[in-house]
């Protein structure tokens, strides 16, 4: 019981410290996604070389960030002997919080450090969570990000064509598409403050519920541009901070390590590739009006997967006898994977 209470307390502390930073990180993504097309549009209509000029400007904006990143000291990757020494000196593996390190974030997977050189986020939390629960939460979160990123990219890519298909002018289509990205950026900015007051579970429930409601608004009258304005704007707001919030929710349930973060990113990347491609094939076979149907299905899938994630994440661990049998299966799978890698090498 003390271990569980300690894990919950540390998990809450990590949420309070990590969640606003994750929200701010994704707010930067949204601002860039909103401003880059605006810059291209301004220079594209004013000069014959406008496209090249706009890309030079956008590329130049990355130089200060590159210089700043180069000046930052790199984190020291602990060797196995160092980590064993820390554990033997204190009787247990010290947590990241005890060492003053920040909790893991999506950016931690981009450090390209071997998984064995990255400390677990919380020895107390991870020891109290069964392997089965870690696996199910990881898979559910990855599936959620698959649906979320796929819906976001599909909406941003085909919204312009959908508006013109339903009788809107090119200027109106541009305005509605811009409003979608603007509300997505605004929502991520607001989430930086909201995440300090609401739990990730409550935030993700609001996001998935609003996404399903907003995408059904244009179904009332597909020829109504005001309904499309409202639906697209609210849909951008609904999708705004799903990624960092889902990541933080998984962190609270299982303690996300480098391997889990990589699976999350892989699921999101597969959604980014798969769902827009499938949407394009469906639109080519039928018409662009099928966009709302696909997005409604994707939004419903997000809500169902979220409910599954909460159910699995808040369920108690399995009995020790079942856990032992499950661990044998997992260990055998790991050994099989290792032997395949050695054979390939």
Protein backbone atom coordinates (compact mmCIF):
# COMPACT_ATOMS: atom_id res chain seq x y z
CA UNK A 1 0.00 0.00 0.00
CA UNK A 2 2.85 2.38 0.83
CA UNK A 3 4.48 1.62 -2.53
CA UNK A 4 1.22 2.37 -4.37
CA UNK A 5 0.70 5.62 -2.45
CA UNK A 6 4.28 6.65 -3.14
CA UNK A 7 3.88 5.86 -6.83
CA UNK A 8 0.65 7.85 -7.03
CA UNK A 9 2.20 10.81 -5.21
CA UNK A 10 5.23 10.87 -7.47
CA UNK A 11 3.03 10.42 -10.54
CA UNK A 12 0.94 13.44 -9.54
CA UNK A 13 4.10 15.48 -9.01
CA UNK A 14 5.35 14.49 -12.45
CA UNK A 15 2.06 15.47 -14.02
CA UNK A 16 2.19 18.89 -12.41
CA UNK A 17 5.75 19.50 -13.60
CA UNK A 18 5.75 17.80 -17.00
CA UNK A 19 2.29 18.42 -18.43
CA UNK A 20 2.54 22.23 -18.92
CA UNK A 21 5.93 21.80 -20.64
CA UNK A 22 4.51 19.18 -23.00
CA UNK A 23 1.54 21.43 -23.76
CA UNK A 24 3.89 24.37 -24.45
CA UNK A 25 6.01 22.19 -26.74
CA UNK A 26 3.00 21.24 -28.85
CA UNK A 27 1.79 24.83 -28.79
CA UNK A 28 5.01 25.70 -30.64
CA UNK A 29 4.21 23.02 -33.22
CA UNK A 30 0.76 24.49 -33.80
CA UNK A 31 2.04 28.06 -34.12
CA UNK A 32 4.49 26.95 -36.79
CA UNK A 33 1.81 24.99 -38.66
CA UNK A 34 -0.39 28.09 -38.65
CA UNK A 35 2.21 30.72 -39.57
CA UNK A 36 4.16 28.85 -42.25
CA UNK A 37 1.30 28.75 -44.81
CA UNK A 38 0.56 32.41 -44.08
CA UNK A 39 4.16 33.38 -44.87
CA UNK A 40 4.08 31.32 -48.07
CA UNK A 41 0.78 32.91 -49.12
CA UNK A 42 2.07 36.46 -48.58
CA UNK A 43 5.21 36.06 -50.67
CA UNK A 44 3.69 33.73 -53.25
CA UNK A 45 1.35 36.42 -54.50
CA UNK A 46 3.83 39.30 -54.41
CA UNK A 47 6.78 37.92 -56.34
CA UNK A 48 7.63 35.33 -58.98
CA UNK A 49 10.21 33.92 -56.60
CA UNK A 50 7.83 34.13 -53.66
CA UNK A 51 7.94 30.39 -52.96
CA UNK A 52 11.73 30.36 -52.70
CA UNK A 53 11.77 33.52 -50.59
CA UNK A 54 9.18 32.16 -48.17
CA UNK A 55 11.08 28.91 -47.69
CA UNK A 56 14.33 30.82 -47.10
CA UNK A 57 12.59 32.90 -44.42
CA UNK A 58 11.04 29.88 -42.74
CA UNK A 59 14.33 28.00 -42.87
CA UNK A 60 16.19 30.99 -41.45
CA UNK A 61 13.88 31.00 -38.44
CA UNK A 62 15.30 27.64 -37.43
CA UNK A 63 18.86 28.98 -37.18
CA UNK A 64 18.43 30.64 -33.74
CA UNK A 65 16.88 27.45 -32.41
CA UNK A 66 19.78 25.41 -33.78
CA UNK A 67 22.34 27.75 -32.20
CA UNK A 68 20.51 27.71 -28.87
CA UNK A 69 20.32 23.91 -28.90
CA UNK A 70 24.03 23.69 -29.71
CA UNK A 71 24.89 25.91 -26.75
CA UNK A 72 22.85 23.83 -24.30
CA UNK A 73 24.86 21.21 -22.41
CA UNK A 74 23.97 17.66 -23.37
CA UNK A 75 22.54 15.41 -20.65
CA UNK A 76 24.96 12.87 -19.29
CA UNK A 77 23.96 9.29 -20.09
CA UNK A 78 24.65 7.16 -17.04
CA UNK A 79 26.49 3.91 -17.55
CA UNK A 80 25.19 0.70 -16.04
CA UNK A 81 27.91 0.76 -13.39
CA UNK A 82 26.90 4.29 -12.33
CA UNK A 83 23.25 3.29 -12.00
CA UNK A 84 24.14 0.16 -10.04
CA UNK A 85 26.28 2.28 -7.73
CA UNK A 86 23.44 4.68 -7.12
CA UNK A 87 21.07 1.84 -6.33
CA UNK A 88 23.45 0.07 -3.96
CA UNK A 89 24.27 3.27 -2.11
CA UNK A 90 20.64 4.06 -1.32
CA UNK A 91 19.17 0.59 -1.28
CA UNK A 92 17.05 1.30 -4.36
CA UNK A 93 17.12 2.95 -7.74
CA UNK A 94 16.77 6.73 -7.25
CA UNK A 95 13.97 8.34 -9.17
CA UNK A 96 14.38 11.06 -11.76
CA UNK A 97 12.76 13.54 -9.40
CA UNK A 98 15.31 12.75 -6.68
CA UNK A 99 18.13 13.47 -9.10
CA UNK A 100 16.51 16.68 -10.29
CA UNK A 101 15.96 15.32 -13.81
CA UNK A 102 12.84 16.18 -15.73
CA UNK A 103 10.27 13.48 -16.36
CA UNK A 104 10.42 11.82 -19.78
CA UNK A 105 8.73 13.59 -22.65
CA UNK A 106 8.21 12.86 -26.35
CA UNK A 107 11.45 14.71 -27.03
CA UNK A 108 13.36 12.19 -24.89
CA UNK A 109 12.98 9.60 -27.64
CA UNK A 110 14.80 11.97 -29.98
CA UNK A 111 17.99 11.90 -27.92
CA UNK A 112 18.98 8.65 -29.71
CA UNK A 113 20.33 7.15 -26.51
CA UNK A 114 20.17 3.38 -26.05
CA UNK A 115 17.25 2.29 -23.93
CA UNK A 116 19.62 0.69 -21.45
CA UNK A 117 21.20 4.11 -20.77
CA UNK A 118 17.91 5.78 -19.85
CA UNK A 119 16.77 5.43 -16.27
CA UNK A 120 13.19 4.35 -15.58
CA UNK A 121 10.97 7.30 -14.68
CA UNK A 122 9.92 5.92 -11.32
CA UNK A 123 11.13 2.67 -9.79
CA UNK A 124 8.30 2.73 -7.25
CA UNK A 125 5.58 3.30 -9.84
CA UNK A 126 6.93 0.79 -12.35
CA UNK A 127 7.40 -1.90 -9.70
CA UNK A 128 3.74 -1.58 -8.70
CA UNK A 129 2.46 -1.89 -12.31
CA UNK A 130 2.22 -5.30 -13.95
CA UNK A 131 3.71 -5.98 -17.34
CA UNK A 132 0.28 -6.75 -18.70
CA UNK A 133 -1.00 -3.35 -17.64
CA UNK A 134 2.04 -1.56 -19.08
CA UNK A 135 1.58 -3.39 -22.38
CA UNK A 136 -2.16 -2.66 -22.60
CA UNK A 137 -1.79 1.02 -21.67
CA UNK A 138 1.05 1.43 -24.16
CA UNK A 139 -0.93 -0.19 -26.98
CA UNK A 140 -4.10 1.76 -26.15
CA UNK A 141 -2.21 5.06 -26.09
CA UNK A 142 -0.50 4.24 -29.38
CA UNK A 143 -3.85 3.42 -30.99
CA UNK A 144 -5.33 6.65 -29.66
CA UNK A 145 -2.48 8.68 -31.15
CA UNK A 146 -2.87 6.73 -34.42
CA UNK A 147 -6.48 7.89 -34.71
CA UNK A 148 -5.82 11.42 -33.43
CA UNK A 149 -2.91 12.31 -35.71
CA UNK A 150 -4.62 10.69 -38.68
CA UNK A 151 -7.76 12.78 -38.14
CA UNK A 152 -5.78 15.99 -37.65
CA UNK A 153 -3.72 15.58 -40.83
CA UNK A 154 -6.74 14.45 -42.83
CA UNK A 155 -8.81 17.44 -41.72
CA UNK A 156 -6.05 19.92 -42.49
CA UNK A 157 -5.30 18.34 -45.87
CA UNK A 158 -8.79 17.92 -47.29
CA UNK A 159 -10.81 20.70 -45.62
CA UNK A 160 -10.07 23.19 -48.41
CA UNK A 161 -11.29 20.74 -51.07
CA UNK A 162 -14.40 19.93 -49.05
CA UNK A 163 -15.40 23.61 -48.75
CA UNK A 164 -15.03 24.25 -52.47
CA UNK A 165 -16.90 21.02 -53.22
CA UNK A 166 -19.87 22.32 -51.20
CA UNK A 167 -20.02 25.63 -53.07
CA UNK A 168 -17.64 27.77 -51.06
CA UNK A 169 -15.29 30.16 -52.82
CA UNK A 170 -11.51 29.77 -52.67
CA UNK A 171 -11.24 32.67 -50.23
CA UNK A 172 -13.87 31.14 -47.92
CA UNK A 173 -12.11 27.77 -48.10
CA UNK A 174 -8.84 29.44 -47.15
CA UNK A 175 -10.46 31.25 -44.25
CA UNK A 176 -12.11 28.12 -42.85
CA UNK A 177 -8.89 26.13 -43.20
CA UNK A 178 -6.97 28.93 -41.49
CA UNK A 179 -9.51 29.05 -38.68
CA UNK A 180 -9.07 25.31 -38.10
CA UNK A 181 -5.30 25.70 -37.63
CA UNK A 182 -5.70 28.91 -35.63
CA UNK A 183 -8.08 27.31 -33.12
CA UNK A 184 -5.79 24.33 -32.88
CA UNK A 185 -2.91 26.65 -31.93
CA UNK A 186 -5.08 28.66 -29.53
CA UNK A 187 -6.29 25.48 -27.85
CA UNK A 188 -2.75 24.31 -27.27
CA UNK A 189 -1.84 27.66 -25.80
CA UNK A 190 -4.80 27.55 -23.42
CA UNK A 191 -3.92 23.97 -22.47
CA UNK A 192 -0.67 25.17 -20.92
CA UNK A 193 -2.72 26.84 -18.17
CA UNK A 194 -5.65 24.41 -18.11
CA UNK A 195 -3.35 21.42 -17.61
CA UNK A 196 -2.32 22.84 -14.24
CA UNK A 197 -5.92 22.78 -13.00
CA UNK A 198 -7.56 19.79 -14.69
CA UNK A 199 -6.41 16.19 -14.72
CA UNK A 200 -5.29 14.61 -18.02
CA UNK A 201 -8.25 12.24 -17.83
CA UNK A 202 -10.75 15.11 -17.65
CA UNK A 203 -8.99 17.05 -20.41
CA UNK A 204 -8.90 14.07 -22.75
CA UNK A 205 -12.57 13.33 -22.06
CA UNK A 206 -13.44 16.90 -23.04
CA UNK A 207 -11.27 16.72 -26.17
CA UNK A 208 -12.72 13.46 -27.47
CA UNK A 209 -16.30 14.42 -26.66
CA UNK A 210 -16.00 17.83 -28.33
CA UNK A 211 -14.33 16.28 -31.38
CA UNK A 212 -17.22 13.90 -31.95
CA UNK A 213 -19.85 16.61 -31.42
CA UNK A 214 -18.13 19.23 -33.60
CA UNK A 215 -17.53 16.93 -36.57
CA UNK A 216 -21.23 15.98 -36.61
CA UNK A 217 -22.41 19.61 -36.85
CA UNK A 218 -21.93 19.84 -40.66
CA UNK A 219 -24.04 16.69 -41.06
CA UNK A 220 -27.11 18.72 -40.08
CA UNK A 221 -26.88 20.64 -43.36
CA UNK A 222 -23.90 19.92 -45.57
CA UNK A 223 -24.57 22.96 -47.72
CA UNK A 224 -24.48 25.36 -44.74
CA UNK A 225 -21.20 27.24 -44.57
CA UNK A 226 -21.89 28.64 -41.05
CA UNK A 227 -22.23 25.09 -39.70
CA UNK A 228 -19.02 24.15 -41.48
CA UNK A 229 -17.32 27.20 -39.99
CA UNK A 230 -18.43 26.19 -36.51
CA UNK A 231 -17.66 22.51 -36.95
CA UNK A 232 -14.17 23.05 -38.37
CA UNK A 233 -13.25 25.65 -35.74
CA UNK A 234 -14.46 23.53 -32.82
CA UNK A 235 -12.79 20.46 -34.30
CA UNK A 236 -9.45 22.26 -34.31
CA UNK A 237 -10.01 23.25 -30.68
CA UNK A 238 -10.97 19.68 -29.79
CA UNK A 239 -7.84 18.18 -31.33
CA UNK A 240 -5.52 20.85 -29.94
CA UNK A 241 -3.78 19.11 -27.03
CA UNK A 242 -4.72 15.45 -27.43
CA UNK A 243 -1.14 14.28 -27.98
CA UNK A 244 0.54 15.75 -24.88
CA UNK A 245 -2.49 15.00 -22.71
CA UNK A 246 -2.58 11.33 -23.79
CA UNK A 247 1.15 11.09 -23.15
CA UNK A 248 0.77 12.53 -19.65
CA UNK A 249 -2.16 10.23 -18.88
CA UNK A 250 -0.09 7.19 -19.83
CA UNK A 251 2.77 8.54 -17.72
CA UNK A 252 0.48 8.68 -14.69
CA UNK A 253 -0.72 5.14 -15.25
CA UNK A 254 2.50 3.26 -16.01
CA UNK A 255 5.50 5.63 -15.99
CA UNK A 256 6.55 6.12 -19.62
CA UNK A 257 10.05 5.00 -20.56
CA UNK A 258 11.95 5.40 -23.84
CA UNK A 259 10.50 2.24 -25.36
CA UNK A 260 6.90 3.25 -24.64
CA UNK A 261 7.54 6.76 -25.99
CA UNK A 262 8.92 5.26 -29.20
CA UNK A 263 5.79 3.12 -29.58
CA UNK A 264 3.63 6.22 -29.08
CA UNK A 265 5.50 8.11 -31.80
CA UNK A 266 5.38 5.09 -34.12
CA UNK A 267 1.60 4.83 -33.70
CA UNK A 268 1.16 8.54 -34.40
CA UNK A 269 3.38 8.31 -37.50
CA UNK A 270 1.44 5.34 -38.84
CA UNK A 271 -1.79 7.27 -38.39
CA UNK A 272 -0.30 10.25 -40.21
CA UNK A 273 0.58 8.01 -43.17
CA UNK A 274 -2.40 5.66 -43.22
CA UNK A 275 -5.59 7.61 -42.58
CA UNK A 276 -4.97 10.47 -45.08
CA UNK A 277 -3.98 7.90 -47.72
CA UNK A 278 -7.14 5.87 -47.13
CA UNK A 279 -9.18 9.07 -47.20
CA UNK A 280 -7.68 9.97 -50.58
CA UNK A 281 -8.59 6.58 -52.01
CA UNK A 282 -12.16 6.83 -50.68
CA UNK A 283 -12.57 10.37 -52.04
CA UNK A 284 -11.26 9.28 -55.43
CA UNK A 285 -13.73 6.38 -55.54
CA UNK A 286 -16.71 8.38 -54.25
CA UNK A 287 -16.37 12.15 -53.66
CA UNK A 288 -14.88 14.57 -51.16
CA UNK A 289 -18.15 14.55 -49.23
CA UNK A 290 -16.92 11.31 -47.62
CA UNK A 291 -14.43 13.38 -45.63
CA UNK A 292 -16.91 14.02 -42.81
CA UNK A 293 -17.82 10.34 -42.61
CA UNK A 294 -14.18 9.30 -42.22
CA UNK A 295 -13.50 11.99 -39.63
CA UNK A 296 -16.64 11.06 -37.69
CA UNK A 297 -15.52 7.42 -37.61
CA UNK A 298 -12.04 8.47 -36.52
CA UNK A 299 -13.43 10.72 -33.78
CA UNK A 300 -15.69 7.94 -32.51
CA UNK A 301 -12.68 5.61 -32.47
CA UNK A 302 -10.75 8.20 -30.41
CA UNK A 303 -13.53 8.30 -27.83
CA UNK A 304 -13.78 4.51 -27.59
CA UNK A 305 -10.02 4.07 -27.32
CA UNK A 306 -9.89 6.76 -24.64
CA UNK A 307 -12.50 4.88 -22.59
CA UNK A 308 -10.48 1.69 -23.05
CA UNK A 309 -7.32 3.49 -21.95
CA UNK A 310 -8.96 4.76 -18.77
CA UNK A 311 -10.47 1.35 -18.03
CA UNK A 312 -7.13 -0.42 -18.42
CA UNK A 313 -5.11 2.30 -16.71
CA UNK A 314 -7.27 2.42 -13.60
CA UNK A 315 -7.84 -1.31 -13.28
CA UNK A 316 -5.89 -3.08 -10.52
CA UNK A 317 -2.92 -5.25 -11.39
CA UNK A 318 -3.55 -8.94 -11.91
CA UNK A 319 -2.95 -11.45 -9.08
CA UNK A 320 0.64 -12.49 -8.55
CA UNK A 321 0.04 -16.05 -9.82
CA UNK A 322 -1.35 -14.78 -13.13
CA UNK A 323 1.35 -12.13 -13.34
CA UNK A 324 4.06 -14.79 -12.97
CA UNK A 325 2.62 -16.79 -15.86
CA UNK A 326 2.32 -13.66 -17.96
CA UNK A 327 5.90 -12.63 -17.20
CA UNK A 328 7.13 -16.02 -18.45
CA UNK A 329 5.42 -15.41 -21.80
CA UNK A 330 6.80 -11.86 -22.08
CA UNK A 331 10.31 -12.99 -21.17
CA UNK A 332 10.15 -15.71 -23.81
CA UNK A 333 9.08 -13.17 -26.44
CA UNK A 334 11.96 -10.89 -25.45
CA UNK A 335 14.44 -13.78 -25.68
CA UNK A 336 13.08 -14.75 -29.09
CA UNK A 337 13.43 -11.17 -30.33
CA UNK A 338 16.98 -11.00 -29.00
CA UNK A 339 17.96 -14.24 -30.73
CA UNK A 340 16.51 -13.00 -34.02
CA UNK A 341 18.48 -9.74 -33.73
CA UNK A 342 21.70 -11.64 -32.97
CA UNK A 343 21.13 -13.94 -35.94
CA UNK A 344 20.50 -10.96 -38.23
CA UNK A 345 23.63 -9.23 -36.95
